[in-house]
C-alpha atoms as a PDB file:
ATOM      1  CA  MET A   1       0.000   0.000   0.000  1.00  0.00           C
ATOM      2  CA  CYS A   2       1.450   3.361  -0.994  1.00  0.00           C
ATOM      3  CA  PHE A   3       1.925   6.109   1.585  1.00  0.00           C
ATOM      4  CA  ALA A   4      -0.733   8.375   0.029  1.00  0.00           C
ATOM      5  CA  THR A   5      -3.375   5.655   0.148  1.00  0.00           C
ATOM      6  CA  SER A   6      -2.520   4.792   3.761  1.00  0.00           C
ATOM      7  CA  PHE A   7      -2.544   8.464   4.768  1.00  0.00           C
ATOM      8  CA  ASN A   8      -5.909   9.087   3.092  1.00  0.00           C
ATOM      9  CA  ARG A   9      -7.440   6.065   4.779  1.00  0.00           C
ATOM     10  CA  ARG A  10      -6.210   7.145   8.216  1.00  0.00           C
ATOM     11  CA  THR A  11      -7.482  10.674   7.562  1.00  0.00           C
ATOM     12  CA  ARG A  12     -10.868   9.338   6.508  1.00  0.00           C
ATOM     13  CA  ASP A  13     -11.150   7.216   9.663  1.00  0.00           C
ATOM     14  CA  TYR A  14     -10.143  10.144  11.875  1.00  0.00           C
ATOM     15  CA  LEU A  15     -12.698  12.464  10.268  1.00  0.00           C
ATOM     16  CA  ALA A  16     -15.337   9.781  10.679  1.00  0.00           C
ATOM     17  CA  ASP A  17     -14.563   9.672  14.400  1.00  0.00           C
ATOM     18  CA  LEU A  18     -14.891  13.442  14.624  1.00  0.00           C
ATOM     19  CA  ALA A  19     -18.196  13.343  12.760  1.00  0.00           C
ATOM     20  CA  GLY A  20     -19.583  11.119  15.485  1.00  0.00           C
ATOM     21  CA  PHE A  21     -18.303  13.301  18.311  1.00  0.00           C
ATOM     22  CA  VAL A  22     -20.927  14.559  20.740  1.00  0.00           C
ATOM     23  CA  ASN A  23     -20.308  17.437  23.120  1.00  0.00           C
ATOM     24  CA  PRO A  24     -19.867  15.621  26.462  1.00  0.00           C
ATOM     25  CA  PHE A  25     -21.438  18.499  28.384  1.00  0.00           C
ATOM     26  CA  ASP A  26     -24.627  18.033  26.335  1.00  0.00           C
ATOM     27  CA  ARG A  27     -24.949  14.583  27.860  1.00  0.00           C
ATOM     28  CA  LEU A  28     -24.762  16.168  31.313  1.00  0.00           C
ATOM     29  CA  GLY A  29     -27.112  19.027  30.440  1.00  0.00           C
ATOM     30  CA  PRO A  30     -29.146  20.938  33.021  1.00  0.00           C
ATOM     31  CA  SER A  31     -32.262  18.907  32.235  1.00  0.00           C
ATOM     32  CA  ARG A  32     -30.435  15.865  33.605  1.00  0.00           C
ATOM     33  CA  HIS A  33     -28.863  17.677  36.504  1.00  0.00           C
ATOM     34  CA  SER A  34     -30.971  15.975  39.152  1.00  0.00           C
ATOM     35  CA  GLY A  35     -30.340  12.485  37.836  1.00  0.00           C
ATOM     36  CA  ARG A  36     -27.450  10.113  38.358  1.00  0.00           C
ATOM     37  CA  MET A  37     -24.860  10.012  35.634  1.00  0.00           C
ATOM     38  CA  THR A  38     -24.571   6.734  33.765  1.00  0.00           C
ATOM     39  CA  ASP A  39     -21.473   4.817  34.762  1.00  0.00           C
ATOM     40  CA  PRO A  40     -19.591   3.571  31.669  1.00  0.00           C
ATOM     41  CA  LEU A  41     -19.317   0.173  33.357  1.00  0.00           C
ATOM     42  CA  GLU A  42     -22.503  -0.593  35.267  1.00  0.00           C
ATOM     43  CA  ASN A  43     -22.275  -2.766  38.347  1.00  0.00           C
ATOM     44  CA  ASP A  44     -22.826  -6.442  37.561  1.00  0.00           C
ATOM     45  CA  HIS A  45     -21.457  -9.902  38.311  1.00  0.00           C
ATOM     46  CA  LEU A  46     -18.249  -9.103  36.384  1.00  0.00           C
ATOM     47  CA  ASP A  47     -17.214  -6.297  38.735  1.00  0.00           C
ATOM     48  CA  PRO A  48     -14.921  -8.523  40.854  1.00  0.00           C
ATOM     49  CA  VAL A  49     -13.211  -9.722  37.664  1.00  0.00           C
ATOM     50  CA  ARG A  50     -12.766  -6.149  36.428  1.00  0.00           C
ATOM     51  CA  THR A  51     -11.329  -5.049  39.763  1.00  0.00           C
ATOM     52  CA  GLN A  52      -8.919  -7.983  39.778  1.00  0.00           C
ATOM     53  CA  LEU A  53      -7.770  -7.248  36.228  1.00  0.00           C
ATOM     54  CA  LEU A  54      -7.254  -3.554  36.928  1.00  0.00           C
ATOM     55  CA  GLU A  55      -5.214  -4.239  40.062  1.00  0.00           C
ATOM     56  CA  ALA A  56      -3.069  -6.712  38.165  1.00  0.00           C
ATOM     57  CA  ALA A  57      -2.638  -4.358  35.201  1.00  0.00           C
ATOM     58  CA  LEU A  58      -1.589  -1.231  37.114  1.00  0.00           C
ATOM     59  CA  PRO A  59       2.028  -2.371  37.719  1.00  0.00           C
ATOM     60  CA  HIS A  60       2.417  -2.964  33.967  1.00  0.00           C
ATOM     61  CA  VAL A  61       0.818   0.279  32.757  1.00  0.00           C
ATOM     62  CA  PRO A  62       3.882   2.498  33.461  1.00  0.00           C
ATOM     63  CA  PHE A  63       5.897   0.292  31.091  1.00  0.00           C
ATOM     64  CA  ASP A  64       3.350  -0.972  28.538  1.00  0.00           C
ATOM     65  CA  GLY A  65       0.811   1.843  28.724  1.00  0.00           C
ATOM     66  CA  TRP A  66      -2.960   1.450  28.648  1.00  0.00           C
ATOM     67  CA  SER A  67      -2.753  -1.282  26.055  1.00  0.00           C
ATOM     68  CA  GLN A  68      -3.854  -4.797  25.245  1.00  0.00           C
ATOM     69  CA  ILE A  69      -0.394  -5.935  26.337  1.00  0.00           C
ATOM     70  CA  SER A  70      -1.013  -4.697  29.881  1.00  0.00           C
ATOM     71  CA  LEU A  71      -4.473  -6.255  29.925  1.00  0.00           C
ATOM     72  CA  SER A  72      -3.191  -9.615  28.638  1.00  0.00           C
ATOM     73  CA  LYS A  73      -0.384  -9.700  31.226  1.00  0.00           C
ATOM     74  CA  ALA A  74      -2.895  -8.878  33.953  1.00  0.00           C
ATOM     75  CA  ALA A  75      -5.185 -11.713  32.864  1.00  0.00           C
ATOM     76  CA  ARG A  76      -2.338 -14.227  32.885  1.00  0.00           C
ATOM     77  CA  GLU A  77      -1.089 -13.151  36.299  1.00  0.00           C
ATOM     78  CA  ALA A  78      -4.584 -13.140  37.776  1.00  0.00           C
ATOM     79  CA  GLY A  79      -5.373 -16.561  36.317  1.00  0.00           C
ATOM     80  CA  ILE A  80      -8.301 -15.224  34.307  1.00  0.00           C
ATOM     81  CA  GLU A  81      -9.101 -16.794  30.961  1.00  0.00           C
ATOM     82  CA  GLU A  82      -8.767 -14.607  27.883  1.00  0.00           C
ATOM     83  CA  GLY A  83     -12.449 -15.029  27.029  1.00  0.00           C
ATOM     84  CA  MET A  84     -13.501 -13.857  30.490  1.00  0.00           C
ATOM     85  CA  ALA A  85     -11.169 -10.841  30.229  1.00  0.00           C
ATOM     86  CA  LYS A  86     -12.764  -9.903  26.908  1.00  0.00           C
ATOM     87  CA  LEU A  87     -16.211 -10.269  28.437  1.00  0.00           C
ATOM     88  CA  ALA A  88     -15.241  -8.008  31.339  1.00  0.00           C
ATOM     89  CA  PHE A  89     -13.597  -5.411  29.091  1.00  0.00           C
ATOM     90  CA  PRO A  90     -15.094  -5.733  25.584  1.00  0.00           C
ATOM     91  CA  GLY A  91     -13.469  -2.442  24.622  1.00  0.00           C
ATOM     92  CA  GLY A  92     -10.048  -3.652  25.714  1.00  0.00           C
ATOM     93  CA  ALA A  93      -7.649  -1.087  27.156  1.00  0.00           C
ATOM     94  CA  ARG A  94     -10.161   1.747  26.713  1.00  0.00           C
ATOM     95  CA  ASP A  95     -12.567   0.007  29.084  1.00  0.00           C
ATOM     96  CA  LEU A  96      -9.727  -0.754  31.480  1.00  0.00           C
ATOM     97  CA  LEU A  97      -8.845   2.946  31.593  1.00  0.00           C
ATOM     98  CA  THR A  98     -12.528   3.838  31.989  1.00  0.00           C
ATOM     99  CA  LEU A  99     -12.675   1.752  35.157  1.00  0.00           C
ATOM    100  CA  PHE A 100      -9.508   3.440  36.462  1.00  0.00           C
ATOM    101  CA  VAL A 101     -11.045   6.880  35.917  1.00  0.00           C
ATOM    102  CA  SER A 102     -14.416   5.862  37.396  1.00  0.00           C
ATOM    103  CA  ASN A 103     -12.735   4.467  40.500  1.00  0.00           C
ATOM    104  CA  ALA A 104     -10.833   7.725  40.974  1.00  0.00           C
ATOM    105  CA  ASP A 105     -14.081   9.697  40.645  1.00  0.00           C
ATOM    106  CA  ARG A 106     -15.721   7.481  43.263  1.00  0.00           C
ATOM    107  CA  ALA A 107     -12.762   7.920  45.610  1.00  0.00           C
ATOM    108  CA  MET A 108     -13.027  11.696  45.167  1.00  0.00           C
ATOM    109  CA  LEU A 109     -16.735  11.684  46.054  1.00  0.00           C
ATOM    110  CA  LYS A 110     -16.092   9.516  49.098  1.00  0.00           C
ATOM    111  CA  ALA A 111     -13.417  11.932  50.337  1.00  0.00           C
ATOM    112  CA  LEU A 112     -15.685  14.938  49.767  1.00  0.00           C
ATOM    113  CA  LYS A 113     -18.543  13.251  51.609  1.00  0.00           C
ATOM    114  CA  ASP A 114     -16.399  13.237  54.757  1.00  0.00           C
ATOM    115  CA  MET A 115     -15.792  17.008  54.517  1.00  0.00           C
ATOM    116  CA  ASP A 116     -17.963  19.824  55.854  1.00  0.00           C
ATOM    117  CA  LEU A 117     -18.607  21.257  52.386  1.00  0.00           C
ATOM    118  CA  PRO A 118     -21.808  23.214  53.225  1.00  0.00           C
ATOM    119  CA  ASN A 119     -19.833  25.445  55.593  1.00  0.00           C
ATOM    120  CA  MET A 120     -17.105  26.160  53.031  1.00  0.00           C
ATOM    121  CA  ARG A 121     -16.932  28.941  50.493  1.00  0.00           C
ATOM    122  CA  ILE A 122     -17.550  27.854  46.913  1.00  0.00           C
ATOM    123  CA  ARG A 123     -13.901  28.385  45.981  1.00  0.00           C
ATOM    124  CA  ASP A 124     -12.815  26.211  48.913  1.00  0.00           C
ATOM    125  CA  ARG A 125     -15.246  23.474  47.889  1.00  0.00           C
ATOM    126  CA  ILE A 126     -13.837  23.477  44.365  1.00  0.00           C
ATOM    127  CA  ARG A 127     -10.274  23.443  45.674  1.00  0.00           C
ATOM    128  CA  ALA A 128     -11.140  20.497  47.896  1.00  0.00           C
ATOM    129  CA  ALA A 129     -12.730  18.655  44.964  1.00  0.00           C
ATOM    130  CA  VAL A 130      -9.759  19.133  42.628  1.00  0.00           C
ATOM    131  CA  LYS A 131      -7.313  18.123  45.356  1.00  0.00           C
ATOM    132  CA  ALA A 132      -9.386  15.069  46.302  1.00  0.00           C
ATOM    133  CA  ARG A 133      -9.516  13.943  42.660  1.00  0.00           C
ATOM    134  CA  ILE A 134      -5.741  14.221  42.265  1.00  0.00           C
ATOM    135  CA  ASP A 135      -5.135  12.564  45.642  1.00  0.00           C
ATOM    136  CA  ALA A 136      -7.220   9.637  44.385  1.00  0.00           C
ATOM    137  CA  VAL A 137      -4.551   8.771  41.793  1.00  0.00           C
ATOM    138  CA  THR A 138      -1.443   9.743  43.757  1.00  0.00           C
ATOM    139  CA  GLU A 139      -0.462   6.115  44.320  1.00  0.00           C
ATOM    140  CA  HIS A 140      -0.549   5.530  40.562  1.00  0.00           C
ATOM    141  CA  LYS A 141       1.091   8.667  39.261  1.00  0.00           C
ATOM    142  CA  GLU A 142       2.871   6.937  36.376  1.00  0.00           C
ATOM    143  CA  ALA A 143      -0.328   5.170  35.342  1.00  0.00           C
ATOM    144  CA  GLU A 144      -2.031   8.581  35.300  1.00  0.00           C
ATOM    145  CA  ARG A 145       0.798   9.960  33.192  1.00  0.00           C
ATOM    146  CA  ARG A 146       0.358   7.143  30.692  1.00  0.00           C
ATOM    147  CA  ALA A 147      -3.386   7.819  30.719  1.00  0.00           C
ATOM    148  CA  MET A 148      -2.746  11.429  29.699  1.00  0.00           C
ATOM    149  CA  THR A 149      -0.505  10.196  26.882  1.00  0.00           C
ATOM    150  CA  PHE A 150      -3.158   7.729  25.743  1.00  0.00           C
ATOM    151  CA  LEU A 151      -5.912  10.345  25.804  1.00  0.00           C
ATOM    152  CA  ALA A 152      -3.759  12.884  23.947  1.00  0.00           C
ATOM    153  CA  LEU A 153      -3.943  10.760  20.791  1.00  0.00           C
ATOM    154  CA  PRO A 154      -6.296  12.380  18.239  1.00  0.00           C
ATOM    155  CA  HIS A 155      -8.634   9.392  17.949  1.00  0.00           C
ATOM    156  CA  ASN A 156      -9.062   9.351  21.744  1.00  0.00           C
ATOM    157  CA  ALA A 157     -10.135  13.008  21.954  1.00  0.00           C
ATOM    158  CA  PRO A 158     -13.859  12.171  22.418  1.00  0.00           C
ATOM    159  CA  LEU A 159     -13.010   9.783  25.254  1.00  0.00           C
ATOM    160  CA  ALA A 160     -10.777  12.374  26.927  1.00  0.00           C
ATOM    161  CA  ALA A 161     -13.533  14.989  26.689  1.00  0.00           C
ATOM    162  CA  GLU A 162     -16.052  12.567  28.139  1.00  0.00           C
ATOM    163  CA  PHE A 163     -13.794  11.741  31.088  1.00  0.00           C
ATOM    164  CA  ILE A 164     -13.078  15.335  32.064  1.00  0.00           C
ATOM    165  CA  ALA A 165     -16.697  16.391  31.529  1.00  0.00           C
ATOM    166  CA  ARG A 166     -17.887  13.668  33.851  1.00  0.00           C
ATOM    167  CA  THR A 167     -15.277  14.466  36.510  1.00  0.00           C
ATOM    168  CA  VAL A 168     -15.904  18.228  36.650  1.00  0.00           C
ATOM    169  CA  ASP A 169     -19.666  17.670  36.640  1.00  0.00           C
ATOM    170  CA  LEU A 170     -19.323  15.438  39.696  1.00  0.00           C
ATOM    171  CA  MET A 171     -17.144  18.101  41.326  1.00  0.00           C
ATOM    172  CA  TRP A 172     -19.751  20.799  40.828  1.00  0.00           C
ATOM    173  CA  ARG A 173     -22.589  18.582  42.029  1.00  0.00           C
ATOM    174  CA  ALA A 174     -20.620  17.690  45.150  1.00  0.00           C
ATOM    175  CA  ALA A 175     -20.011  21.424  45.665  1.00  0.00           C
ATOM    176  CA  GLY A 176     -23.780  21.981  45.654  1.00  0.00           C
ATOM    177  CA  ASP A 177     -24.225  23.499  42.201  1.00  0.00           C
ATOM    178  CA  THR A 178     -27.878  23.644  41.132  1.00  0.00           C
ATOM    179  CA  SER A 179     -27.610  25.835  38.045  1.00  0.00           C
ATOM    180  CA  THR A 180     -29.877  24.954  35.127  1.00  0.00           C
ATOM    181  CA  ASP A 181     -29.142  27.852  32.780  1.00  0.00           C
ATOM    182  CA  PHE A 182     -26.103  28.677  30.648  1.00  0.00           C
ATOM    183  CA  ASN A 183     -24.031  28.853  33.842  1.00  0.00           C
ATOM    184  CA  PHE A 184     -24.245  25.061  33.959  1.00  0.00           C
ATOM    185  CA  TYR A 185     -21.916  24.936  30.950  1.00  0.00           C
ATOM    186  CA  THR A 186     -19.671  27.900  31.749  1.00  0.00           C
ATOM    187  CA  LYS A 187     -18.953  26.629  35.266  1.00  0.00           C
ATOM    188  CA  ARG A 188     -17.955  23.224  33.988  1.00  0.00           C
ATOM    189  CA  GLY A 189     -15.912  24.661  31.162  1.00  0.00           C
ATOM    190  CA  LEU A 190     -13.930  26.879  33.523  1.00  0.00           C
ATOM    191  CA  LEU A 191     -13.410  24.068  36.025  1.00  0.00           C
ATOM    192  CA  ALA A 192     -12.235  21.737  33.255  1.00  0.00           C
ATOM    193  CA  GLY A 193      -9.461  24.239  32.519  1.00  0.00           C
ATOM    194  CA  VAL A 194      -8.504  24.541  36.188  1.00  0.00           C
ATOM    195  CA  TYR A 195      -8.534  20.798  36.825  1.00  0.00           C
ATOM    196  CA  GLY A 196      -6.756  19.869  33.587  1.00  0.00           C
ATOM    197  CA  SER A 197      -3.930  22.366  34.018  1.00  0.00           C
ATOM    198  CA  THR A 198      -3.487  21.454  37.693  1.00  0.00           C
ATOM    199  CA  LEU A 199      -3.315  17.764  36.822  1.00  0.00           C
ATOM    200  CA  LEU A 200      -0.589  18.441  34.240  1.00  0.00           C
ATOM    201  CA  TYR A 201       1.350  20.542  36.759  1.00  0.00           C
ATOM    202  CA  TRP A 202       1.038  17.771  39.364  1.00  0.00           C
ATOM    203  CA  LEU A 203       2.472  15.173  36.992  1.00  0.00           C
ATOM    204  CA  ASN A 204       5.748  17.112  36.897  1.00  0.00           C
ATOM    205  CA  ASP A 205       5.758  18.268  40.513  1.00  0.00           C
ATOM    206  CA  ASP A 206       8.329  16.677  42.797  1.00  0.00           C
ATOM    207  CA  SER A 207       7.888  19.078  45.724  1.00  0.00           C
ATOM    208  CA  GLU A 208       7.155  17.701  49.185  1.00  0.00           C
ATOM    209  CA  ASP A 209       3.497  16.640  49.499  1.00  0.00           C
ATOM    210  CA  HIS A 210       2.975  18.346  46.118  1.00  0.00           C
ATOM    211  CA  GLU A 211       2.740  21.719  47.844  1.00  0.00           C
ATOM    212  CA  ALA A 212       3.760  23.469  44.628  1.00  0.00           C
ATOM    213  CA  THR A 213       0.726  21.935  42.903  1.00  0.00           C
ATOM    214  CA  TRP A 214      -1.684  23.206  45.527  1.00  0.00           C
ATOM    215  CA  ARG A 215      -0.201  26.706  45.281  1.00  0.00           C
ATOM    216  CA  PHE A 216      -0.644  26.494  41.500  1.00  0.00           C
ATOM    217  CA  LEU A 217      -4.252  25.403  42.041  1.00  0.00           C
ATOM    218  CA  ASP A 218      -4.876  28.400  44.306  1.00  0.00           C
ATOM    219  CA  ARG A 219      -3.553  30.747  41.609  1.00  0.00           C
ATOM    220  CA  ARG A 220      -5.773  29.176  38.961  1.00  0.00           C
ATOM    221  CA  ILE A 221      -8.847  29.505  41.162  1.00  0.00           C
ATOM    222  CA  ASP A 222      -7.913  33.129  41.904  1.00  0.00           C
ATOM    223  CA  GLY A 223      -7.796  33.749  38.162  1.00  0.00           C
ATOM    224  CA  VAL A 224     -11.235  32.243  37.617  1.00  0.00           C
ATOM    225  CA  MET A 225     -12.675  34.260  40.507  1.00  0.00           C
ATOM    226  CA  GLN A 226     -11.361  37.434  38.889  1.00  0.00           C
ATOM    227  CA  ILE A 227     -13.160  36.485  35.671  1.00  0.00           C
ATOM    228  CA  GLU A 228     -16.425  35.922  37.567  1.00  0.00           C
ATOM    229  CA  LYS A 229     -15.955  39.244  39.398  1.00  0.00           C
ATOM    230  CA  ALA A 230     -15.425  41.062  36.093  1.00  0.00           C
ATOM    231  CA  LYS A 231     -18.523  39.415  34.628  1.00  0.00           C
ATOM    232  CA  ALA A 232     -20.613  40.533  37.599  1.00  0.00           C
ATOM    233  CA  GLN A 233     -19.319  44.097  37.308  1.00  0.00           C
ATOM    234  CA  PHE A 234     -20.065  44.127  33.585  1.00  0.00           C
ATOM    235  CA  ARG A 235     -23.638  42.909  34.141  1.00  0.00           C
ATOM    236  CA  LYS A 236     -24.167  45.561  36.798  1.00  0.00           C
ATOM    237  CA  ALA A 237     -22.745  48.335  34.604  1.00  0.00           C
ATOM    238  CA  THR A 238     -24.871  47.359  31.613  1.00  0.00           C
ATOM    239  CA  ALA A 239     -28.099  46.545  33.473  1.00  0.00           C
ATOM    240  CA  ASP A 240     -29.752  49.868  32.568  1.00  0.00           C
ATOM    241  CA  MET A 241     -28.377  50.112  29.061  1.00  0.00           C
ATOM    242  CA  PRO A 242     -30.778  49.609  26.137  1.00  0.00           C
ATOM    243  CA  SER A 243     -30.729  46.289  24.388  1.00  0.00           C
ATOM    244  CA  PRO A 244     -28.497  46.250  21.262  1.00  0.00           C
ATOM    245  CA  LEU A 245     -31.186  44.232  19.503  1.00  0.00           C
ATOM    246  CA  SER A 246     -33.767  46.883  20.309  1.00  0.00           C
ATOM    247  CA  LEU A 247     -31.500  49.599  18.880  1.00  0.00           C
ATOM    248  CA  LEU A 248     -30.957  47.614  15.682  1.00  0.00           C
ATOM    249  CA  THR A 249     -34.712  47.070  15.348  1.00  0.00           C
ATOM    250  CA  ARG A 250     -35.348  50.818  15.596  1.00  0.00           C
ATOM    251  CA  LEU A 251     -32.758  51.491  12.909  1.00  0.00           C
ATOM    252  CA  ARG A 252     -34.259  48.869  10.641  1.00  0.00           C
ATOM    253  CA  TYR A 253     -37.920  49.724  11.307  1.00  0.00           C
ATOM    254  CA  PRO A 254     -37.989  53.346  12.567  1.00  0.00           C
ATOM    255  CA  GLY A 255     -41.726  53.749  12.032  1.00  0.00           C
ATOM    256  CA  GLU A 256     -42.738  50.697  13.989  1.00  0.00           C
ATOM    257  CA  SER A 257     -40.763  51.787  17.065  1.00  0.00           C
ATOM    258  CA  ARG A 258     -43.108  54.804  17.422  1.00  0.00           C
ATOM    259  CA  MET A 259     -46.324  52.903  16.841  1.00  0.00           C
ATOM    260  CA  LYS A 260     -48.728  52.638  19.763  1.00  0.00           C
ATOM    261  CA  PRO A 261     -50.521  49.331  20.425  1.00  0.00           C
END
């Protein structure tokens, strides 16, 4: 197969993946805010097998990545037949990584449940949520690093977006967010930026107890709070100003603007 043909085929497949991409925040929209998010791997009789495979795979992930190689080694070491491993993770390494991410989200929620969140400021609740989520994967830092590498591949972009959308949505819900308007999306978009950048900083942080990461997180939250403060000031300053749409309507239909009902 010539290079051009191979390149065109890969390009076609990649564009096909993009065509099927759905905004992950649309799946978590305000209309579904009160409901429980669907877990990618629902609880069933295969859960113990999945847990066993993940635990056996984690030591191999830093060397072999989130791959079929890691999953196959885990199955052999755990004494699980290949057919059973495929039944537990039909999507292979992608499903294995999905369980890793879901477990970290659950650990985050458990840690937050033990905190006095209602008596915290919103910014402190968000800080606690981001820190709890990173703490949940501290023991498997290299596996998390390999996860970031895996998700950085172009064809895994939809999966990466789905993971971070789910995580930040759980953070906001734990923090007590009840928004159902456009703020639902803006809050999650801003938090995705804070969490994602803090996670990347943490991966390269070798300071004691990752104190440098938490200082970085504080600066990122300060930046977001400044944005929200500026937005509030802008809304207050423009509250009594005429609507731009109304002005354009008067210019387009000057006679109608003077008509009495």
